[in-house]
Amino acid sequence: MPTGSLRAMEPGEAVVLTVVSSEPEAEVVCGLLQANGIDCGYRDTEAIDSPLEDFTAAGPREILVPESDLQAAKTLLADSAR
């Protein structure tokens, strides 16, 4: 289940934009996207990062955006990394 402000979407409508290393980083990335009018959310990845992953909130997160905003979101992240 995605976290953040991603509105309810039909299954398959949200796509993975990128994977970040932690929940705080996911919050920052989503904040940047939302400040630029792109809806987003995040969720735990399927990758096993730690033997304690079921007991802690640590670990990588997938950033999700609507498929229709994917290219704009990629461009925004690329521009912000400069």
PDB file of N, CA and C in Angstrom:
ATOM      1  N   MET A   1       0.841  -1.183   0.000  1.00  0.00           N
ATOM      2  CA  MET A   1       0.000   0.000   0.000  1.00  0.00           C
ATOM      3  C   MET A   1       0.883   1.242   0.000  1.00  0.00           C
ATOM      4  N   PRO A   2       0.743   2.109  -0.967  1.00  0.00           N
ATOM      5  CA  PRO A   2       1.561   3.315  -1.018  1.00  0.00           C
ATOM      6  C   PRO A   2       1.286   4.245   0.157  1.00  0.00           C
ATOM      7  N   THR A   3       2.337   4.939   0.553  1.00  0.00           N
ATOM      8  CA  THR A   3       2.250   5.948   1.588  1.00  0.00           C
ATOM      9  C   THR A   3       2.463   7.297   0.925  1.00  0.00           C
ATOM     10  N   GLY A   4       2.061   8.361   1.579  1.00  0.00           N
ATOM     11  CA  GLY A   4       2.190   9.683   0.981  1.00  0.00           C
ATOM     12  C   GLY A   4       0.835  10.134   0.484  1.00  0.00           C
ATOM     13  N   SER A   5       0.812  11.045  -0.459  1.00  0.00           N
ATOM     14  CA  SER A   5      -0.464  11.623  -0.861  1.00  0.00           C
ATOM     15  C   SER A   5      -0.993  11.089  -2.190  1.00  0.00           C
ATOM     16  N   LEU A   6      -0.428  10.020  -2.691  1.00  0.00           N
ATOM     17  CA  LEU A   6      -0.899   9.469  -3.961  1.00  0.00           C
ATOM     18  C   LEU A   6      -2.380   9.123  -3.825  1.00  0.00           C
ATOM     19  N   ARG A   7      -3.199   9.790  -4.640  1.00  0.00           N
ATOM     20  CA  ARG A   7      -4.638   9.553  -4.571  1.00  0.00           C
ATOM     21  C   ARG A   7      -4.944   8.130  -5.016  1.00  0.00           C
ATOM     22  N   ALA A   8      -6.090   7.646  -4.624  1.00  0.00           N
ATOM     23  CA  ALA A   8      -6.494   6.295  -5.028  1.00  0.00           C
ATOM     24  C   ALA A   8      -6.506   6.205  -6.547  1.00  0.00           C
ATOM     25  N   MET A   9      -5.824   5.206  -7.053  1.00  0.00           N
ATOM     26  CA  MET A   9      -5.749   5.006  -8.492  1.00  0.00           C
ATOM     27  C   MET A   9      -6.133   3.576  -8.812  1.00  0.00           C
ATOM     28  N   GLU A  10      -6.468   3.372 -10.049  1.00  0.00           N
ATOM     29  CA  GLU A  10      -6.745   2.023 -10.506  1.00  0.00           C
ATOM     30  C   GLU A  10      -5.448   1.217 -10.462  1.00  0.00           C
ATOM     31  N   PRO A  11      -5.538  -0.092 -10.232  1.00  0.00           N
ATOM     32  CA  PRO A  11      -4.324  -0.918 -10.253  1.00  0.00           C
ATOM     33  C   PRO A  11      -3.584  -0.742 -11.577  1.00  0.00           C
ATOM     34  N   GLY A  12      -2.291  -0.584 -11.487  1.00  0.00           N
ATOM     35  CA  GLY A  12      -1.464  -0.419 -12.673  1.00  0.00           C
ATOM     36  C   GLY A  12      -1.344   1.013 -13.156  1.00  0.00           C
ATOM     37  N   GLU A  13      -2.100   1.934 -12.573  1.00  0.00           N
ATOM     38  CA  GLU A  13      -2.038   3.338 -13.000  1.00  0.00           C
ATOM     39  C   GLU A  13      -0.791   4.032 -12.461  1.00  0.00           C
ATOM     40  N   ALA A  14      -0.346   3.670 -11.263  1.00  0.00           N
ATOM     41  CA  ALA A  14       0.872   4.246 -10.685  1.00  0.00           C
ATOM     42  C   ALA A  14       2.060   3.391 -11.104  1.00  0.00           C
ATOM     43  N   VAL A  15       3.160   4.059 -11.453  1.00  0.00           N
ATOM     44  CA  VAL A  15       4.371   3.364 -11.871  1.00  0.00           C
ATOM     45  C   VAL A  15       5.535   3.799 -10.993  1.00  0.00           C
ATOM     46  N   VAL A  16       6.558   2.965 -10.926  1.00  0.00           N
ATOM     47  CA  VAL A  16       7.736   3.270 -10.120  1.00  0.00           C
ATOM     48  C   VAL A  16       8.617   4.257 -10.871  1.00  0.00           C
ATOM     49  N   LEU A  17       8.866   5.385 -10.259  1.00  0.00           N
ATOM     50  CA  LEU A  17       9.743   6.414 -10.814  1.00  0.00           C
ATOM     51  C   LEU A  17      11.200   6.096 -10.491  1.00  0.00           C
ATOM     52  N   THR A  18      11.461   5.800  -9.228  1.00  0.00           N
ATOM     53  CA  THR A  18      12.820   5.516  -8.774  1.00  0.00           C
ATOM     54  C   THR A  18      12.742   4.807  -7.429  1.00  0.00           C
ATOM     55  N   VAL A  19      13.881   4.338  -6.957  1.00  0.00           N
ATOM     56  CA  VAL A  19      13.985   3.737  -5.630  1.00  0.00           C
ATOM     57  C   VAL A  19      14.987   4.561  -4.841  1.00  0.00           C
ATOM     58  N   VAL A  20      14.606   4.933  -3.627  1.00  0.00           N
ATOM     59  CA  VAL A  20      15.484   5.704  -2.748  1.00  0.00           C
ATOM     60  C   VAL A  20      15.831   4.861  -1.529  1.00  0.00           C
ATOM     61  N   SER A  21      16.834   5.293  -0.777  1.00  0.00           N
ATOM     62  CA  SER A  21      17.372   4.452   0.283  1.00  0.00           C
ATOM     63  C   SER A  21      16.595   4.439   1.597  1.00  0.00           C
ATOM     64  N   SER A  22      15.699   5.420   1.806  1.00  0.00           N
ATOM     65  CA  SER A  22      15.029   5.485   3.104  1.00  0.00           C
ATOM     66  C   SER A  22      13.698   6.239   3.013  1.00  0.00           C
ATOM     67  N   GLU A  23      12.905   6.127   4.071  1.00  0.00           N
ATOM     68  CA  GLU A  23      11.639   6.854   4.120  1.00  0.00           C
ATOM     69  C   GLU A  23      11.839   8.369   4.154  1.00  0.00           C
ATOM     70  N   PRO A  24      12.803   8.902   4.930  1.00  0.00           N
ATOM     71  CA  PRO A  24      13.006  10.353   4.884  1.00  0.00           C
ATOM     72  C   PRO A  24      13.365  10.849   3.479  1.00  0.00           C
ATOM     73  N   GLU A  25      14.179  10.101   2.756  1.00  0.00           N
ATOM     74  CA  GLU A  25      14.518  10.494   1.392  1.00  0.00           C
ATOM     75  C   GLU A  25      13.278  10.440   0.493  1.00  0.00           C
ATOM     76  N   ALA A  26      12.415   9.446   0.705  1.00  0.00           N
ATOM     77  CA  ALA A  26      11.170   9.343  -0.060  1.00  0.00           C
ATOM     78  C   ALA A  26      10.289  10.562   0.197  1.00  0.00           C
ATOM     79  N   GLU A  27      10.242  11.022   1.443  1.00  0.00           N
ATOM     80  CA  GLU A  27       9.455  12.209   1.791  1.00  0.00           C
ATOM     81  C   GLU A  27       9.981  13.441   1.058  1.00  0.00           C
ATOM     82  N   VAL A  28      11.303  13.583   0.978  1.00  0.00           N
ATOM     83  CA  VAL A  28      11.906  14.732   0.301  1.00  0.00           C
ATOM     84  C   VAL A  28      11.592  14.691  -1.196  1.00  0.00           C
ATOM     85  N   VAL A  29      11.775  13.518  -1.818  1.00  0.00           N
ATOM     86  CA  VAL A  29      11.511  13.387  -3.255  1.00  0.00           C
ATOM     87  C   VAL A  29      10.038  13.663  -3.554  1.00  0.00           C
ATOM     88  N   CYS A  30       9.140  13.096  -2.757  1.00  0.00           N
ATOM     89  CA  CYS A  30       7.705  13.343  -2.974  1.00  0.00           C
ATOM     90  C   CYS A  30       7.367  14.814  -2.754  1.00  0.00           C
ATOM     91  N   GLY A  31       8.006  15.449  -1.786  1.00  0.00           N
ATOM     92  CA  GLY A  31       7.772  16.869  -1.563  1.00  0.00           C
ATOM     93  C   GLY A  31       8.161  17.700  -2.772  1.00  0.00           C
ATOM     94  N   LEU A  32       9.296  17.382  -3.386  1.00  0.00           N
ATOM     95  CA  LEU A  32       9.737  18.074  -4.595  1.00  0.00           C
ATOM     96  C   LEU A  32       8.738  17.869  -5.727  1.00  0.00           C
ATOM     97  N   LEU A  33       8.318  16.624  -5.920  1.00  0.00           N
ATOM     98  CA  LEU A  33       7.368  16.329  -6.989  1.00  0.00           C
ATOM     99  C   LEU A  33       6.038  17.052  -6.755  1.00  0.00           C
ATOM    100  N   GLN A  34       5.528  16.983  -5.534  1.00  0.00           N
ATOM    101  CA  GLN A  34       4.245  17.612  -5.221  1.00  0.00           C
ATOM    102  C   GLN A  34       4.321  19.130  -5.360  1.00  0.00           C
ATOM    103  N   ALA A  35       5.462  19.717  -4.998  1.00  0.00           N
ATOM    104  CA  ALA A  35       5.626  21.168  -5.135  1.00  0.00           C
ATOM    105  C   ALA A  35       5.583  21.590  -6.597  1.00  0.00           C
ATOM    106  N   ASN A  36       5.814  20.643  -7.485  1.00  0.00           N
ATOM    107  CA  ASN A  36       5.786  20.915  -8.920  1.00  0.00           C
ATOM    108  C   ASN A  36       4.562  20.317  -9.599  1.00  0.00           C
ATOM    109  N   GLY A  37       3.537  20.010  -8.798  1.00  0.00           N
ATOM    110  CA  GLY A  37       2.259  19.573  -9.343  1.00  0.00           C
ATOM    111  C   GLY A  37       2.168  18.119  -9.761  1.00  0.00           C
ATOM    112  N   ILE A  38       3.106  17.294  -9.303  1.00  0.00           N
ATOM    113  CA  ILE A  38       3.083  15.867  -9.653  1.00  0.00           C
ATOM    114  C   ILE A  38       2.697  15.072  -8.414  1.00  0.00           C
ATOM    115  N   ASP A  39       1.604  14.350  -8.500  1.00  0.00           N
ATOM    116  CA  ASP A  39       1.137  13.514  -7.401  1.00  0.00           C
ATOM    117  C   ASP A  39       2.117  12.364  -7.218  1.00  0.00           C
ATOM    118  N   CYS A  40       2.388  11.978  -5.979  1.00  0.00           N
ATOM    119  CA  CYS A  40       3.281  10.842  -5.767  1.00  0.00           C
ATOM    120  C   CYS A  40       3.003  10.179  -4.432  1.00  0.00           C
ATOM    121  N   GLY A  41       3.576   9.016  -4.283  1.00  0.00           N
ATOM    122  CA  GLY A  41       3.512   8.250  -3.051  1.00  0.00           C
ATOM    123  C   GLY A  41       4.721   7.342  -3.019  1.00  0.00           C
ATOM    124  N   TYR A  42       4.866   6.574  -1.959  1.00  0.00           N
ATOM    125  CA  TYR A  42       5.976   5.634  -1.881  1.00  0.00           C
ATOM    126  C   TYR A  42       5.562   4.413  -1.096  1.00  0.00           C
ATOM    127  N   ARG A  43       6.339   3.335  -1.288  1.00  0.00           N
ATOM    128  CA  ARG A  43       6.064   2.074  -0.596  1.00  0.00           C
ATOM    129  C   ARG A  43       7.379   1.334  -0.401  1.00  0.00           C
ATOM    130  N   ASP A  44       7.361   0.344   0.489  1.00  0.00           N
ATOM    131  CA  ASP A  44       8.532  -0.517   0.658  1.00  0.00           C
ATOM    132  C   ASP A  44       8.808  -1.221  -0.659  1.00  0.00           C
ATOM    133  N   THR A  45      10.069  -1.516  -0.913  1.00  0.00           N
ATOM    134  CA  THR A  45      10.411  -2.299  -2.094  1.00  0.00           C
ATOM    135  C   THR A  45      10.188  -3.775  -1.792  1.00  0.00           C
ATOM    136  N   GLU A  46      10.193  -4.566  -2.821  1.00  0.00           N
ATOM    137  CA  GLU A  46      10.090  -6.012  -2.656  1.00  0.00           C
ATOM    138  C   GLU A  46      11.447  -6.619  -2.307  1.00  0.00           C
ATOM    139  N   ALA A  47      12.524  -5.855  -2.528  1.00  0.00           N
ATOM    140  CA  ALA A  47      13.876  -6.361  -2.272  1.00  0.00           C
ATOM    141  C   ALA A  47      14.110  -6.539  -0.774  1.00  0.00           C
ATOM    142  N   ILE A  48      14.759  -7.616  -0.416  1.00  0.00           N
ATOM    143  CA  ILE A  48      15.113  -7.840   0.985  1.00  0.00           C
ATOM    144  C   ILE A  48      16.383  -7.055   1.255  1.00  0.00           C
ATOM    145  N   ASP A  49      16.288  -6.105   2.167  1.00  0.00           N
ATOM    146  CA  ASP A  49      17.411  -5.225   2.470  1.00  0.00           C
ATOM    147  C   ASP A  49      18.096  -5.616   3.766  1.00  0.00           C
ATOM    148  N   SER A  50      17.356  -6.208   4.684  1.00  0.00           N
ATOM    149  CA  SER A  50      17.891  -6.505   6.001  1.00  0.00           C
ATOM    150  C   SER A  50      17.087  -7.642   6.625  1.00  0.00           C
ATOM    151  N   PRO A  51      17.728  -8.472   7.454  1.00  0.00           N
ATOM    152  CA  PRO A  51      16.968  -9.519   8.143  1.00  0.00           C
ATOM    153  C   PRO A  51      15.965  -8.935   9.139  1.00  0.00           C
ATOM    154  N   LEU A  52      16.108  -7.664   9.478  1.00  0.00           N
ATOM    155  CA  LEU A  52      15.200  -7.011  10.424  1.00  0.00           C
ATOM    156  C   LEU A  52      14.122  -6.191   9.730  1.00  0.00           C
ATOM    157  N   GLU A  53      14.027  -6.288   8.394  1.00  0.00           N
ATOM    158  CA  GLU A  53      13.130  -5.405   7.664  1.00  0.00           C
ATOM    159  C   GLU A  53      11.663  -5.532   8.074  1.00  0.00           C
ATOM    160  N   ASP A  54      11.246  -6.691   8.553  1.00  0.00           N
ATOM    161  CA  ASP A  54       9.857  -6.843   8.981  1.00  0.00           C
ATOM    162  C   ASP A  54       9.597  -6.205  10.339  1.00  0.00           C
ATOM    163  N   PHE A  55      10.663  -5.807  11.021  1.00  0.00           N
ATOM    164  CA  PHE A  55      10.525  -5.263  12.370  1.00  0.00           C
ATOM    165  C   PHE A  55      10.826  -3.781  12.466  1.00  0.00           C
ATOM    166  N   THR A  56      11.350  -3.196  11.403  1.00  0.00           N
ATOM    167  CA  THR A  56      11.688  -1.778  11.428  1.00  0.00           C
ATOM    168  C   THR A  56      11.120  -1.078  10.198  1.00  0.00           C
ATOM    169  N   ALA A  57      11.089   0.237  10.236  1.00  0.00           N
ATOM    170  CA  ALA A  57      10.595   1.018   9.089  1.00  0.00           C
ATOM    171  C   ALA A  57      11.736   1.423   8.163  1.00  0.00           C
ATOM    172  N   ALA A  58      12.942   0.917   8.419  1.00  0.00           N
ATOM    173  CA  ALA A  58      14.100   1.286   7.606  1.00  0.00           C
ATOM    174  C   ALA A  58      14.094   0.534   6.283  1.00  0.00           C
ATOM    175  N   GLY A  59      14.867   1.045   5.336  1.00  0.00           N
ATOM    176  CA  GLY A  59      15.046   0.341   4.078  1.00  0.00           C
ATOM    177  C   GLY A  59      14.583   1.142   2.884  1.00  0.00           C
ATOM    178  N   PRO A  60      14.870   0.621   1.698  1.00  0.00           N
ATOM    179  CA  PRO A  60      14.550   1.337   0.463  1.00  0.00           C
ATOM    180  C   PRO A  60      13.054   1.493   0.237  1.00  0.00           C
ATOM    181  N   ARG A  61      12.716   2.559  -0.501  1.00  0.00           N
ATOM    182  CA  ARG A  61      11.320   2.849  -0.848  1.00  0.00           C
ATOM    183  C   ARG A  61      11.220   3.083  -2.346  1.00  0.00           C
ATOM    184  N   GLU A  62      10.137   2.618  -2.941  1.00  0.00           N
ATOM    185  CA  GLU A  62       9.830   2.906  -4.338  1.00  0.00           C
ATOM    186  C   GLU A  62       8.989   4.168  -4.385  1.00  0.00           C
ATOM    187  N   ILE A  63       9.381   5.120  -5.230  1.00  0.00           N
ATOM    188  CA  ILE A  63       8.609   6.339  -5.439  1.00  0.00           C
ATOM    189  C   ILE A  63       7.655   6.069  -6.593  1.00  0.00           C
ATOM    190  N   LEU A  64       6.371   6.297  -6.366  1.00  0.00           N
ATOM    191  CA  LEU A  64       5.327   6.029  -7.357  1.00  0.00           C
ATOM    192  C   LEU A  64       4.711   7.327  -7.857  1.00  0.00           C
ATOM    193  N   VAL A  65       4.464   7.383  -9.155  1.00  0.00           N
ATOM    194  CA  VAL A  65       3.778   8.525  -9.767  1.00  0.00           C
ATOM    195  C   VAL A  65       2.766   7.985 -10.776  1.00  0.00           C
ATOM    196  N   PRO A  66       1.769   8.785 -11.131  1.00  0.00           N
ATOM    197  CA  PRO A  66       0.859   8.359 -12.198  1.00  0.00           C
ATOM    198  C   PRO A  66       1.650   8.182 -13.496  1.00  0.00           C
ATOM    199  N   GLU A  67       1.297   7.173 -14.256  1.00  0.00           N
ATOM    200  CA  GLU A  67       2.013   6.905 -15.501  1.00  0.00           C
ATOM    201  C   GLU A  67       2.042   8.129 -16.412  1.00  0.00           C
ATOM    202  N   SER A  68       0.959   8.904 -16.403  1.00  0.00           N
ATOM    203  CA  SER A  68       0.881  10.094 -17.261  1.00  0.00           C
ATOM    204  C   SER A  68       1.889  11.179 -16.862  1.00  0.00           C
ATOM    205  N   ASP A  69       2.415  11.128 -15.633  1.00  0.00           N
ATOM    206  CA  ASP A  69       3.389  12.120 -15.158  1.00  0.00           C
ATOM    207  C   ASP A  69       4.816  11.580 -15.117  1.00  0.00           C
ATOM    208  N   LEU A  70       5.030  10.347 -15.574  1.00  0.00           N
ATOM    209  CA  LEU A  70       6.339   9.716 -15.431  1.00  0.00           C
ATOM    210  C   LEU A  70       7.457  10.520 -16.084  1.00  0.00           C
ATOM    211  N   GLN A  71       7.289  10.929 -17.320  1.00  0.00           N
ATOM    212  CA  GLN A  71       8.368  11.644 -18.015  1.00  0.00           C
ATOM    213  C   GLN A  71       8.665  12.987 -17.356  1.00  0.00           C
ATOM    214  N   ALA A  72       7.632  13.723 -16.970  1.00  0.00           N
ATOM    215  CA  ALA A  72       7.838  15.014 -16.302  1.00  0.00           C
ATOM    216  C   ALA A  72       8.563  14.811 -14.965  1.00  0.00           C
ATOM    217  N   ALA A  73       8.216  13.754 -14.245  1.00  0.00           N
ATOM    218  CA  ALA A  73       8.862  13.468 -12.962  1.00  0.00           C
ATOM    219  C   ALA A  73      10.331  13.107 -13.167  1.00  0.00           C
ATOM    220  N   LYS A  74      10.634  12.311 -14.190  1.00  0.00           N
ATOM    221  CA  LYS A  74      12.026  11.957 -14.483  1.00  0.00           C
ATOM    222  C   LYS A  74      12.838  13.207 -14.815  1.00  0.00           C
ATOM    223  N   THR A  75      12.268  14.075 -15.611  1.00  0.00           N
ATOM    224  CA  THR A  75      12.956  15.310 -15.990  1.00  0.00           C
ATOM    225  C   THR A  75      13.207  16.186 -14.770  1.00  0.00           C
ATOM    226  N   LEU A  76      12.206  16.325 -13.909  1.00  0.00           N
ATOM    227  CA  LEU A  76      12.350  17.132 -12.703  1.00  0.00           C
ATOM    228  C   LEU A  76      13.447  16.595 -11.803  1.00  0.00           C
ATOM    229  N   LEU A  77      13.481  15.286 -11.582  1.00  0.00           N
ATOM    230  CA  LEU A  77      14.525  14.711 -10.735  1.00  0.00           C
ATOM    231  C   LEU A  77      15.907  14.879 -11.352  1.00  0.00           C
ATOM    232  N   ALA A  78      15.999  14.700 -12.661  1.00  0.00           N
ATOM    233  CA  ALA A  78      17.289  14.888 -13.335  1.00  0.00           C
ATOM    234  C   ALA A  78      17.767  16.334 -13.206  1.00  0.00           C
ATOM    235  N   ASP A  79      16.863  17.276 -13.372  1.00  0.00           N
ATOM    236  CA  ASP A  79      17.218  18.694 -13.257  1.00  0.00           C
ATOM    237  C   ASP A  79      17.614  19.063 -11.838  1.00  0.00           C
ATOM    238  N   SER A  80      16.981  18.456 -10.850  1.00  0.00           N
ATOM    239  CA  SER A  80      17.283  18.793  -9.450  1.00  0.00           C
ATOM    240  C   SER A  80      18.587  18.162  -8.999  1.00  0.00           C
ATOM    241  N   ALA A  81      19.066  17.155  -9.703  1.00  0.00           N
ATOM    242  CA  ALA A  81      20.322  16.501  -9.337  1.00  0.00           C
ATOM    243  C   ALA A  81      21.543  17.272  -9.830  1.00  0.00           C
ATOM    244  N   ARG A  82      21.338  18.262 -10.649  1.00  0.00           N
ATOM    245  CA  ARG A  82      22.468  19.040 -11.197  1.00  0.00           C
ATOM    246  C   ARG A  82      23.005  20.025 -10.199  1.00  0.00           C
TER     247      ARG A  82
END
